[in-house]
Structures are given as C-alpha cells and as structure tokens.
Amino acid sequence: MPDEEDPKTLSVPEAGRRYFNISRNASYEAAHRGEIPTIPVGRLLRVPVRRLERMLDGDAGAPQRMESVQRPDEAR
C-alpha cells in the first residue's frame, strides 16, 4: 500500500503549489509549456514526484523540457 505521506505522483495543482507556490491555473499553464512534467492517467494528469525532483536538481538524465500536454478537460 502506498505511503500517503510520500506519494509517487501529485495532481498538477498540488505539485505547483508545493514546489513552486503557484496557482492552479499557473500550474496547468506550466505543465502545458513542459515546465512541470506530467503523465496522463485516464482523464487525469499526474506529476511524477521523482521526475520533478530530478528536474529541479538539474540531473543530466532528466529532461529539461517535457512535451506539451493538454489538460484533460480541454477539447482537442
């Protein structure tokens, strides 16, 4: 069972708030620009915590810019 205190993924707004102190809309905009890494899970976008932390640490193996994604509720 996953440890609730150490989640593997966060919602886009939660990641934006915890790591960057930015609003919900700013978080989705950053994810759309590739500044916050995301993975799609059904209709949800989740932020993988380890990938985000590697990116913030400047790890050479972590992508510096992720591909653009749309919010799940945006029409294509």
Protein backbone atom coordinates (compact mmCIF):
# COMPACT_ATOMS: atom_id res chain seq x y z
CA MET A 1 0.00 0.00 0.00
CA PRO A 2 1.43 3.43 -0.95
CA ASP A 3 2.60 5.69 1.84
CA GLU A 4 0.21 8.68 1.95
CA GLU A 5 2.96 10.94 3.32
CA ASP A 6 5.26 10.20 0.38
CA PRO A 7 3.10 9.96 -2.76
CA LYS A 8 4.67 8.86 -6.06
CA THR A 9 2.55 11.35 -8.03
CA LEU A 10 0.74 14.59 -7.33
CA SER A 11 -2.03 16.44 -9.10
CA VAL A 12 -0.82 19.30 -11.28
CA PRO A 13 -2.24 21.98 -8.94
CA GLU A 14 -0.76 20.26 -5.86
CA ALA A 15 2.70 19.99 -7.47
CA GLY A 16 2.54 23.65 -8.50
CA ARG A 17 1.55 24.70 -5.00
CA ARG A 18 4.09 22.52 -3.15
CA TYR A 19 7.12 23.05 -5.36
CA PHE A 20 6.58 26.49 -6.89
CA ASN A 21 3.93 28.24 -4.77
CA ILE A 22 1.84 28.96 -7.88
CA SER A 23 -1.91 28.88 -8.51
CA ARG A 24 -3.95 26.10 -10.10
CA ASN A 25 -4.13 27.90 -13.46
CA ALA A 26 -0.43 28.76 -13.42
CA SER A 27 0.33 25.11 -12.64
CA TYR A 28 -1.61 23.84 -15.66
CA GLU A 29 -0.01 26.52 -17.86
CA ALA A 30 3.45 25.43 -16.69
CA ALA A 31 2.56 21.79 -17.38
CA HIS A 32 1.31 22.74 -20.85
CA ARG A 33 4.63 24.51 -21.54
CA GLY A 34 6.54 21.45 -20.33
CA GLU A 35 7.95 23.15 -17.24
CA ILE A 36 6.20 20.66 -14.95
CA PRO A 37 6.48 17.04 -16.10
CA THR A 38 3.22 15.13 -16.37
CA ILE A 39 1.93 11.70 -17.23
CA PRO A 40 -1.66 11.06 -18.37
CA VAL A 41 -3.72 8.63 -16.31
CA GLY A 42 -7.07 8.30 -17.99
CA ARG A 43 -8.55 11.79 -17.99
CA LEU A 44 -6.16 12.95 -15.26
CA LEU A 45 -2.71 14.49 -15.48
CA ARG A 46 -0.38 13.45 -12.70
CA VAL A 47 3.06 14.80 -11.85
CA PRO A 48 5.65 12.11 -11.09
CA VAL A 49 7.42 13.35 -7.97
CA ARG A 50 10.80 11.71 -8.65
CA ARG A 51 10.96 13.09 -12.19
CA LEU A 52 10.04 16.59 -10.99
CA GLU A 53 12.64 16.46 -8.22
CA ARG A 54 15.34 15.21 -10.63
CA MET A 55 14.45 18.06 -12.99
CA LEU A 56 14.71 20.58 -10.15
CA ASP A 57 18.04 19.09 -9.04
CA GLY A 58 19.39 19.63 -12.56
CA ASP A 59 20.02 15.92 -13.16
CA ALA A 60 21.52 15.49 -16.63
CA GLY A 61 19.37 12.39 -17.16
CA ALA A 62 16.12 14.25 -16.55
CA PRO A 63 14.57 16.09 -19.47
CA GLN A 64 14.80 19.85 -19.12
CA ARG A 65 11.61 20.41 -21.06
CA MET A 66 8.80 17.93 -21.39
CA GLU A 67 6.43 17.68 -24.34
CA SER A 68 3.37 19.88 -24.21
CA VAL A 69 0.21 18.35 -22.87
CA GLN A 70 -3.39 19.43 -22.73
CA ARG A 71 -5.44 19.49 -19.57
CA PRO A 72 -7.80 16.52 -19.53
CA ASP A 73 -10.86 18.76 -19.75
CA GLU A 74 -9.62 20.73 -22.78
CA ALA A 75 -11.16 19.91 -26.15
CA ARG A 76 -8.74 18.72 -28.78
